[in-house]
Protein backbone atom coordinates (compact mmCIF):
# COMPACT_ATOMS: atom_id res chain seq x y z
CA MET A 1 -37.97 -23.90 -15.39
CA ASP A 2 -35.48 -23.01 -18.15
CA ARG A 3 -32.67 -25.28 -19.44
CA ILE A 4 -30.01 -23.75 -17.15
CA GLY A 5 -32.25 -24.01 -14.09
CA LEU A 6 -33.08 -27.65 -14.80
CA THR A 7 -29.38 -28.46 -15.20
CA GLN A 8 -28.43 -26.78 -11.93
CA ASN A 9 -31.31 -28.45 -10.05
CA TYR A 10 -30.37 -31.90 -11.36
CA GLN A 11 -26.67 -31.48 -10.58
CA SER A 12 -27.31 -30.20 -7.04
CA HIS A 13 -29.31 -33.31 -6.05
CA CYS A 14 -26.47 -35.77 -6.61
CA PHE A 15 -23.94 -33.26 -5.32
CA LEU A 16 -25.71 -33.36 -1.96
CA HIS A 17 -25.51 -37.15 -1.94
CA SER A 18 -21.81 -37.08 -2.89
CA THR A 19 -21.15 -34.49 -0.20
CA THR A 20 -22.77 -36.78 2.39
CA LEU A 21 -20.48 -39.63 1.36
CA HIS A 22 -17.49 -37.33 1.51
CA THR A 23 -18.44 -36.12 5.01
CA GLN A 24 -18.83 -39.69 6.27
CA LEU A 25 -15.40 -40.59 4.95
CA SER A 26 -13.83 -37.45 6.40
CA LYS A 27 -15.01 -38.37 9.91
CA ALA A 28 -13.85 -41.96 9.53
CA SER A 29 -10.44 -41.44 7.97
CA ASN A 30 -9.30 -37.89 8.84
CA PHE A 31 -9.47 -36.84 5.17
CA THR A 32 -9.78 -33.08 4.64
CA PRO A 33 -12.67 -32.24 2.31
CA ASN A 34 -11.41 -30.74 -0.94
CA PHE A 35 -13.90 -30.77 -3.78
CA LYS A 36 -11.58 -28.66 -5.90
CA ASN A 37 -9.16 -31.58 -6.17
CA PRO A 38 -10.57 -34.32 -8.46
CA THR A 39 -8.09 -36.91 -7.21
CA VAL A 40 -9.27 -36.38 -3.64
CA ILE A 41 -12.88 -36.74 -4.80
CA THR A 42 -11.93 -40.01 -6.47
CA ALA A 43 -10.37 -41.51 -3.35
CA CYS A 44 -13.05 -40.21 -1.00
CA MET A 45 -16.10 -41.31 -2.93
CA ALA A 46 -14.67 -44.70 -3.75
CA ALA A 47 -13.81 -45.41 -0.12
CA ALA A 48 -17.30 -44.46 1.00
CA THR A 49 -18.60 -47.61 -0.71
CA SER A 50 -15.60 -49.86 -0.11
CA ALA A 51 -13.98 -51.36 2.96
CA VAL A 52 -10.54 -50.44 1.64
CA ALA A 53 -10.12 -47.19 -0.24
CA PRO A 54 -8.13 -47.52 -3.48
CA THR A 55 -5.50 -44.90 -4.19
CA ALA A 56 -6.63 -41.89 -6.16
CA THR A 57 -4.29 -42.65 -9.04
CA SER A 58 -5.45 -46.26 -9.42
CA PHE A 59 -9.21 -45.79 -9.12
CA GLY A 60 -10.88 -46.25 -12.47
CA PHE A 61 -13.68 -48.09 -14.21
CA LYS A 62 -12.64 -51.53 -12.96
CA ASN A 63 -12.61 -50.21 -9.39
CA LEU A 64 -16.05 -48.69 -9.96
CA MET A 65 -17.30 -52.09 -11.11
CA GLU A 66 -15.89 -53.93 -8.11
CA THR A 67 -16.43 -51.49 -5.24
CA VAL A 68 -19.61 -49.52 -5.94
CA THR A 69 -22.91 -51.20 -5.08
CA ILE A 70 -26.19 -50.18 -6.65
CA ASP A 71 -29.76 -50.61 -5.49
CA VAL A 72 -32.16 -49.73 -8.31
CA HIS A 73 -35.30 -47.96 -7.11
CA LYS A 74 -36.77 -46.99 -10.50
CA ALA A 75 -35.91 -47.96 -14.08
CA GLU A 76 -37.78 -47.17 -17.27
CA GLY A 77 -37.39 -46.91 -21.03
CA ARG A 78 -39.30 -44.42 -23.17
CA PRO A 79 -39.35 -43.51 -26.88
CA LEU A 80 -36.80 -40.84 -27.77
CA ASN A 81 -38.03 -39.33 -31.04
CA VAL A 82 -36.11 -36.41 -32.50
CA PRO A 83 -36.45 -34.80 -35.96
CA LEU A 84 -33.47 -34.55 -38.28
CA ILE A 85 -32.41 -31.39 -40.09
CA ALA A 86 -32.52 -33.43 -43.32
CA PRO A 87 -32.97 -37.11 -44.19
CA PHE A 88 -29.89 -39.20 -43.42
CA THR A 89 -29.19 -41.51 -46.35
CA ILE A 90 -26.46 -44.14 -46.47
CA ALA A 91 -25.86 -47.06 -48.83
CA SER A 92 -27.92 -49.49 -46.76
CA SER A 93 -30.78 -47.32 -45.44
CA ARG A 94 -32.46 -43.94 -45.14
CA LEU A 95 -33.49 -42.32 -41.86
CA ASP A 96 -36.11 -39.55 -41.81
CA LYS A 97 -36.27 -39.14 -38.03
CA VAL A 98 -34.56 -40.53 -34.97
CA GLU A 99 -36.59 -43.17 -33.12
CA ASN A 100 -34.33 -44.29 -30.29
CA VAL A 101 -35.07 -45.39 -26.72
CA ALA A 102 -34.12 -43.37 -23.63
CA ILE A 103 -33.29 -45.22 -20.42
CA ARG A 104 -33.61 -43.68 -16.95
CA VAL A 105 -32.35 -45.47 -13.83
CA GLU A 106 -32.80 -44.07 -10.32
CA LEU A 107 -30.92 -45.60 -7.40
CA SER A 108 -32.26 -45.84 -3.85
CA ASN A 109 -29.80 -43.09 -2.87
CA GLY A 110 -31.58 -40.71 -5.26
CA CYS A 111 -28.89 -40.54 -7.94
CA VAL A 112 -30.05 -40.93 -11.53
CA GLY A 113 -28.33 -42.36 -14.59
CA TRP A 114 -29.23 -41.84 -18.23
CA GLY A 115 -28.68 -44.00 -21.29
CA GLU A 116 -29.80 -44.25 -24.89
CA ALA A 117 -30.42 -47.24 -27.13
CA PRO A 118 -29.79 -46.03 -30.70
CA ILE A 119 -31.87 -47.57 -33.47
CA LEU A 120 -30.67 -47.56 -37.11
CA PRO A 121 -32.60 -49.76 -39.57
CA PHE A 122 -30.52 -52.51 -41.23
CA VAL A 123 -27.60 -51.77 -38.90
CA THR A 124 -28.88 -52.39 -35.37
CA ALA A 125 -30.73 -55.65 -34.83
CA GLU A 126 -33.60 -53.97 -32.92
CA ASP A 127 -36.34 -51.63 -34.07
CA GLN A 128 -37.89 -49.19 -31.58
CA THR A 129 -40.81 -51.47 -30.68
CA THR A 130 -38.51 -54.39 -29.90
CA ALA A 131 -36.10 -52.13 -28.04
CA LEU A 132 -38.87 -50.72 -25.83
CA ALA A 133 -40.11 -54.21 -24.98
CA LYS A 134 -36.64 -55.48 -24.07
CA ALA A 135 -35.91 -52.29 -22.11
CA ALA A 136 -39.10 -52.85 -20.09
CA GLU A 137 -38.03 -56.43 -19.41
CA VAL A 138 -34.56 -55.57 -18.14
CA CYS A 139 -35.80 -52.53 -16.19
CA GLY A 140 -38.31 -54.75 -14.42
CA PHE A 141 -35.53 -57.19 -13.60
CA LEU A 142 -33.37 -54.41 -12.13
CA LYS A 143 -36.19 -53.07 -9.95
CA GLN A 144 -36.81 -56.52 -8.50
CA SER A 145 -33.12 -57.23 -7.84
CA ARG A 146 -31.40 -56.77 -4.52
CA GLU A 147 -28.47 -54.42 -3.98
CA MET A 148 -25.39 -55.66 -5.83
CA THR A 149 -22.08 -54.51 -7.22
CA LEU A 150 -22.11 -52.67 -10.53
CA ASN A 151 -20.08 -55.53 -11.99
CA LEU A 152 -22.74 -58.09 -11.07
CA ALA A 153 -25.54 -55.86 -12.33
CA LEU A 154 -23.88 -55.42 -15.72
CA THR A 155 -23.16 -59.15 -15.94
CA ARG A 156 -26.81 -59.97 -15.30
CA ILE A 157 -27.92 -57.45 -17.89
CA GLY A 158 -25.72 -59.26 -20.37
CA ASP A 159 -27.49 -62.50 -19.46
CA VAL A 160 -30.92 -60.95 -20.06
CA LEU A 161 -29.85 -59.13 -23.26
CA PRO A 162 -27.19 -61.34 -24.87
CA GLY A 163 -25.16 -60.97 -28.06
CA HIS A 164 -25.56 -58.60 -30.99
CA GLU A 165 -29.31 -59.20 -31.19
CA PHE A 166 -30.01 -56.89 -28.24
CA ALA A 167 -26.73 -54.96 -28.15
CA SER A 168 -28.29 -51.52 -28.57
CA VAL A 169 -30.71 -51.94 -25.66
CA ARG A 170 -27.95 -53.51 -23.57
CA ALA A 171 -25.73 -50.52 -24.31
CA GLY A 172 -28.46 -48.08 -23.27
CA VAL A 173 -29.07 -49.83 -19.95
CA GLU A 174 -25.33 -50.21 -19.31
CA MET A 175 -24.85 -46.49 -19.93
CA ALA A 176 -27.61 -45.59 -17.47
CA LEU A 177 -26.30 -47.86 -14.70
CA ILE A 178 -22.70 -46.72 -15.13
CA ASP A 179 -23.82 -43.08 -15.21
CA ALA A 180 -25.84 -43.57 -12.01
CA ALA A 181 -22.91 -45.26 -10.25
CA ALA A 182 -20.52 -42.50 -11.33
CA ASN A 183 -23.05 -39.88 -10.22
CA SER A 184 -23.28 -41.49 -6.79
CA ILE A 185 -19.53 -41.08 -6.21
CA GLY A 186 -19.25 -37.71 -7.93
CA ILE A 187 -16.77 -38.61 -10.70
CA PRO A 188 -16.94 -37.76 -14.43
CA LEU A 189 -16.79 -40.74 -16.76
CA TRP A 190 -13.73 -39.56 -18.65
CA ARG A 191 -11.73 -39.85 -15.43
CA LEU A 192 -13.05 -43.34 -14.74
CA PHE A 193 -12.17 -44.42 -18.29
CA GLY A 194 -8.51 -43.48 -17.85
CA GLY A 195 -8.36 -39.71 -17.50
CA VAL A 196 -6.06 -39.18 -20.50
CA SER A 197 -8.04 -36.15 -21.70
CA ASN A 198 -11.32 -34.33 -21.18
CA ALA A 199 -11.69 -33.20 -24.81
CA ILE A 200 -12.00 -34.67 -28.30
CA SER A 201 -12.40 -33.44 -31.88
CA THR A 202 -14.83 -35.13 -34.26
CA ASP A 203 -15.27 -35.34 -38.00
CA ILE A 204 -18.68 -34.56 -39.53
CA THR A 205 -20.70 -36.65 -41.95
CA ILE A 206 -22.09 -35.75 -45.35
CA PRO A 207 -24.78 -38.34 -46.21
CA ILE A 208 -25.61 -39.49 -49.72
CA VAL A 209 -26.82 -36.29 -51.41
CA SER A 210 -26.48 -34.53 -54.76
CA PRO A 211 -23.16 -32.90 -55.74
CA MET A 212 -24.68 -29.44 -55.18
CA GLU A 213 -25.97 -30.33 -51.70
CA ALA A 214 -22.62 -31.89 -50.84
CA SER A 215 -20.80 -28.74 -51.92
CA GLU A 216 -23.08 -26.56 -49.77
CA LEU A 217 -22.57 -28.78 -46.74
CA ALA A 218 -18.80 -28.84 -47.24
CA SER A 219 -18.71 -25.03 -47.36
CA LYS A 220 -20.87 -24.81 -44.24
CA TYR A 221 -18.70 -27.24 -42.29
CA ARG A 222 -15.52 -25.54 -43.44
CA LYS A 223 -16.76 -22.27 -41.92
CA GLN A 224 -17.60 -24.11 -38.68
CA GLY A 225 -14.04 -25.36 -38.36
CA PHE A 226 -14.38 -29.01 -39.39
CA LYS A 227 -11.18 -30.32 -40.92
CA THR A 228 -12.26 -33.92 -41.57
CA LEU A 229 -15.34 -34.76 -43.63
CA LYS A 230 -16.81 -38.25 -43.65
CA LEU A 231 -18.55 -38.90 -46.94
CA LYS A 232 -21.20 -41.58 -47.28
CA VAL A 233 -20.76 -43.49 -50.54
CA GLY A 234 -21.63 -46.90 -51.96
CA LYS A 235 -24.87 -46.43 -53.91
CA ASN A 236 -23.55 -45.30 -57.29
CA LEU A 237 -19.85 -45.34 -58.14
CA ASN A 238 -19.94 -42.57 -60.76
CA GLY A 239 -22.24 -40.44 -58.61
CA ASP A 240 -19.90 -40.88 -55.65
CA ILE A 241 -16.98 -39.56 -57.70
CA GLU A 242 -18.99 -36.48 -58.76
CA VAL A 243 -19.85 -35.73 -55.14
CA LEU A 244 -16.20 -36.11 -54.14
CA GLN A 245 -15.16 -33.65 -56.82
CA SER A 246 -17.73 -31.07 -55.68
CA ILE A 247 -16.64 -31.38 -52.04
CA ARG A 248 -12.99 -31.10 -53.03
CA ALA A 249 -13.77 -27.84 -54.82
CA ALA A 250 -15.69 -26.41 -51.85
CA HIS A 251 -13.27 -27.54 -49.12
CA PRO A 252 -9.90 -28.21 -50.80
CA ASP A 253 -7.97 -28.57 -47.54
CA CYS A 254 -10.25 -31.09 -45.85
CA LEU A 255 -9.30 -34.63 -44.93
CA PHE A 256 -11.59 -37.33 -46.33
CA ILE A 257 -13.07 -40.43 -44.77
CA LEU A 258 -15.06 -42.58 -47.18
CA ASP A 259 -17.80 -44.75 -45.67
CA ALA A 260 -19.41 -47.21 -48.06
CA ASN A 261 -21.60 -48.92 -45.43
CA GLU A 262 -21.17 -52.27 -47.25
CA GLY A 263 -22.24 -50.71 -50.56
CA TYR A 264 -19.45 -51.83 -52.90
CA THR A 265 -18.08 -55.08 -54.18
CA ALA A 266 -14.34 -55.49 -53.65
CA ASN A 267 -13.65 -54.58 -57.29
CA GLU A 268 -15.83 -51.45 -57.08
CA ALA A 269 -14.07 -50.34 -53.90
CA ILE A 270 -10.68 -50.67 -55.58
CA LYS A 271 -12.02 -48.77 -58.61
CA VAL A 272 -12.99 -45.86 -56.33
CA LEU A 273 -9.45 -45.73 -54.97
CA GLU A 274 -8.07 -45.72 -58.54
CA LYS A 275 -10.33 -42.81 -59.49
CA LEU A 276 -9.34 -40.86 -56.39
CA HIS A 277 -5.67 -41.50 -57.13
CA GLU A 278 -6.19 -39.98 -60.58
CA MET A 279 -7.73 -36.94 -58.85
CA ASN A 280 -4.71 -36.75 -56.54
CA VAL A 281 -6.98 -37.40 -53.55
CA THR A 282 -5.98 -39.82 -50.78
CA PRO A 283 -8.62 -40.58 -48.14
CA VAL A 284 -7.33 -40.92 -44.59
CA LEU A 285 -9.69 -43.87 -44.16
CA PHE A 286 -11.96 -46.14 -46.21
CA GLU A 287 -14.67 -47.51 -43.94
CA GLN A 288 -16.53 -50.79 -44.51
CA PRO A 289 -16.10 -50.97 -48.30
CA VAL A 290 -17.82 -54.37 -48.72
CA HIS A 291 -20.62 -56.44 -47.20
CA ARG A 292 -20.17 -57.28 -43.52
CA ASP A 293 -19.83 -61.01 -44.24
CA ASP A 294 -17.46 -60.67 -47.20
CA TRP A 295 -14.32 -61.37 -45.18
CA GLU A 296 -12.26 -62.26 -48.25
CA GLY A 297 -13.28 -59.05 -50.00
CA LEU A 298 -12.51 -56.96 -46.92
CA GLY A 299 -9.04 -58.44 -46.64
CA HIS A 300 -8.38 -57.98 -50.37
CA VAL A 301 -9.44 -54.33 -50.40
CA SER A 302 -7.42 -53.66 -47.24
CA GLN A 303 -4.27 -55.09 -48.80
CA ILE A 304 -4.60 -53.20 -52.10
CA ALA A 305 -5.62 -49.96 -50.38
CA LYS A 306 -2.64 -50.04 -48.04
CA ASP A 307 0.05 -51.35 -50.38
CA LYS A 308 -0.88 -49.45 -53.55
CA TYR A 309 -2.56 -46.26 -52.31
CA GLY A 310 -1.49 -45.83 -48.68
CA VAL A 311 -5.11 -45.86 -47.47
CA SER A 312 -6.23 -47.54 -44.26
CA VAL A 313 -9.42 -49.62 -44.27
CA ALA A 314 -11.77 -49.79 -41.28
CA ALA A 315 -14.09 -52.63 -40.32
CA ASP A 316 -17.42 -51.34 -39.00
CA GLU A 317 -20.43 -53.51 -39.73
CA SER A 318 -18.07 -56.50 -39.97
CA CYS A 319 -17.17 -56.11 -36.29
CA ARG A 320 -20.23 -56.99 -34.21
CA SER A 321 -18.57 -58.99 -31.45
CA LEU A 322 -15.29 -59.76 -29.73
CA ALA A 323 -15.06 -62.88 -31.93
CA ASP A 324 -15.31 -60.69 -35.05
CA ALA A 325 -12.59 -58.40 -33.72
CA LYS A 326 -10.32 -61.38 -33.05
CA LYS A 327 -10.86 -62.65 -36.61
CA ILE A 328 -10.03 -59.24 -38.08
CA VAL A 329 -6.86 -58.98 -35.99
CA GLN A 330 -5.65 -62.54 -36.52
CA GLU A 331 -6.26 -62.58 -40.28
CA SER A 332 -5.15 -58.95 -40.91
CA LEU A 333 -8.47 -58.14 -42.57
CA ALA A 334 -8.45 -54.39 -41.77
CA ASP A 335 -6.18 -51.68 -40.38
CA VAL A 336 -8.79 -50.06 -38.13
CA ILE A 337 -11.73 -51.34 -36.07
CA ASN A 338 -14.68 -49.00 -35.58
CA ILE A 339 -16.23 -49.43 -32.14
CA LYS A 340 -19.86 -48.48 -31.64
CA LEU A 341 -21.57 -49.06 -28.32
CA ALA A 342 -24.83 -49.96 -30.06
CA LYS A 343 -23.12 -52.88 -31.81
CA VAL A 344 -21.43 -54.52 -28.83
CA GLY A 345 -22.52 -52.74 -25.64
CA VAL A 346 -20.25 -50.88 -23.23
CA LEU A 347 -18.53 -53.92 -21.73
CA GLY A 348 -18.10 -55.47 -25.17
CA ALA A 349 -16.51 -52.25 -26.40
CA LEU A 350 -14.02 -52.25 -23.54
CA GLU A 351 -13.01 -55.83 -24.37
CA ILE A 352 -12.42 -54.93 -28.02
CA ILE A 353 -10.44 -51.82 -27.06
CA ASP A 354 -8.06 -53.96 -25.00
CA LEU A 355 -7.68 -56.46 -27.84
CA VAL A 356 -7.04 -53.88 -30.56
CA ARG A 357 -4.61 -51.84 -28.48
CA SER A 358 -2.47 -54.92 -27.90
CA SER A 359 -2.61 -55.92 -31.58
CA GLY A 360 -1.10 -52.82 -33.15
CA LEU A 361 -4.23 -51.97 -35.15
CA ASN A 362 -5.84 -48.55 -34.83
CA LEU A 363 -9.16 -47.69 -33.23
CA MET A 364 -12.10 -45.61 -34.39
CA ILE A 365 -15.16 -44.70 -32.35
CA GLY A 366 -18.51 -43.94 -33.93
CA GLY A 367 -22.21 -44.23 -33.35
CA MET A 368 -25.58 -44.63 -35.00
CA VAL A 369 -27.78 -41.52 -35.24
CA GLU A 370 -27.86 -40.49 -31.60
CA THR A 371 -28.54 -37.58 -29.25
CA ARG A 372 -25.95 -36.14 -26.88
CA LEU A 373 -26.83 -38.83 -24.30
CA ALA A 374 -25.23 -41.73 -26.17
CA MET A 375 -22.70 -39.53 -27.97
CA GLY A 376 -21.68 -37.95 -24.68
CA PHE A 377 -21.07 -41.33 -23.09
CA ALA A 378 -19.01 -42.47 -26.09
CA GLY A 379 -17.12 -39.17 -26.03
CA HIS A 380 -16.20 -39.61 -22.37
CA LEU A 381 -14.97 -43.12 -23.18
CA ALA A 382 -12.86 -41.88 -26.10
CA ALA A 383 -11.40 -38.91 -24.20
CA GLY A 384 -10.62 -40.97 -21.12
CA HIS A 385 -8.86 -43.72 -23.05
CA GLY A 386 -7.07 -41.36 -25.41
CA CYS A 387 -6.33 -44.17 -27.88
CA PHE A 388 -8.73 -43.48 -30.76
CA LYS A 389 -7.10 -42.34 -34.00
CA PHE A 390 -10.44 -41.60 -35.65
CA ILE A 391 -13.41 -40.01 -33.85
CA ASP A 392 -16.81 -39.91 -35.53
CA LEU A 393 -19.27 -38.64 -32.92
CA ASP A 394 -21.11 -36.00 -34.89
CA THR A 395 -24.75 -37.05 -35.20
CA PRO A 396 -26.18 -34.67 -32.55
CA LEU A 397 -25.11 -31.93 -34.97
CA LEU A 398 -27.46 -33.42 -37.57
CA LEU A 399 -30.56 -33.19 -35.35
CA ALA A 400 -33.15 -30.41 -35.63
CA GLU A 401 -33.62 -30.37 -31.83
CA ASP A 402 -31.46 -31.08 -28.79
CA PRO A 403 -33.53 -32.78 -26.07
CA VAL A 404 -30.54 -33.20 -23.76
CA PHE A 405 -29.79 -30.86 -20.86
CA GLY A 406 -26.29 -30.48 -19.42
CA GLY A 407 -23.63 -32.73 -20.88
CA TYR A 408 -20.59 -31.76 -22.91
CA GLU A 409 -19.92 -28.40 -24.53
CA ALA A 410 -19.49 -28.33 -28.31
CA SER A 411 -17.74 -25.70 -30.41
CA GLY A 412 -17.63 -26.82 -34.02
CA PRO A 413 -15.72 -30.12 -34.07
CA ASP A 414 -14.42 -29.73 -30.51
CA TYR A 415 -16.17 -31.33 -27.53
CA ASN A 416 -15.19 -30.50 -23.97
CA PHE A 417 -16.18 -32.73 -21.06
CA SER A 418 -16.36 -30.95 -17.74
CA ASN A 419 -16.05 -32.41 -14.25
CA ALA A 420 -19.80 -33.02 -14.12
CA ARG A 421 -20.71 -36.31 -12.48
CA GLY A 422 -21.12 -39.27 -14.82
CA HIS A 423 -21.56 -38.08 -18.39
CA GLY A 424 -23.45 -35.02 -17.19
CA GLY A 425 -26.36 -35.17 -19.64
CA PHE A 426 -30.01 -35.76 -18.78
CA LEU A 427 -33.54 -35.45 -20.17
CA HIS A 428 -36.60 -33.62 -18.91
CA TRP A 429 -38.38 -36.94 -18.39
CA GLU A 430 -41.89 -35.47 -18.31
CA ASN A 431 -41.39 -34.28 -21.90
CA ILE A 432 -40.39 -37.72 -23.18
CA ALA A 433 -43.39 -39.53 -24.66
């Protein structure tokens, strides 16, 4: 069966289940079936699993957590290995191929959810072997558990896979369960996450490469419509400046994000900003300029960057928990917090979003090196919330193959999320090793 046929076959299975729920509710409550109206779908599907139907306008992720029950029939993690177009080098590591973990959860009602645990050496705490073992442990737990609310299931997963140590696996399992629950009621994730938008635009990353390679990539991405380039720096200060100059020549109108991935000292980071100022170049963002535990250095660079050069600084590796986010906010250590599901899990990310939005700081969403499964989930979250100033969800564009069927549609930097149930992406499981 070709890719289109597989997508249609997968979507029709859960559509039949959602239609059954809708029919049951129609008979019980005199609702008129109307699958063309997403708000009616929201109210109908929610009420089918709840004693009291919430209003269409109020039903969201919290309602999904509280009202939808799940009974896991099957759950499994498998290696998700995908080649890269070229090696992905950053200040702290080099990746020659993607070695993530795919998670598949099937509910007793037949609906399936998909997740991905991204693995990036020296950034995520898990390697693939550890991630597979922990995925097997939590999948076994889910299969043995009785029917429960989504909220309780996610809470128990957090108990089995606590903290940053297992955050990537936890995120993958959370994604799969949430996707399955959303599939079972026929609602796309971007609606459940707030419904602000069903589209986003991403930057694209240029890893640590030679000036000539950087120039070629910048020209390529310019032709594809990318307006913001994220440049990996932090290994060699003088080399970084040469690469910046070559990119500037190839794509003079682009906006710059610098990402040092902990590669500089505070003084080196400030020196980079001085050099860029001399070149009349102002980055829109300077991401993680210093080591994750150098809180003093992070705060110092943030102050100088903002006051002297008008550049915002983002905390990425420094923010691995809600406690880290609170420290950054309370001590004014950065202007932006970069949320990645693999660092804190889905529920952890939602907690940090609420904190940062109330603090006045800005939000960024990013990822490790991921397929369209994890990136699609993060994209739905970003589109639905509509509160992210910086969006860095580009890594599927760096892969030599796309193993994901369905999911969002991409045109250059622009991603569009349809009304497909859940996040809409899935794998041909038989082809996953």
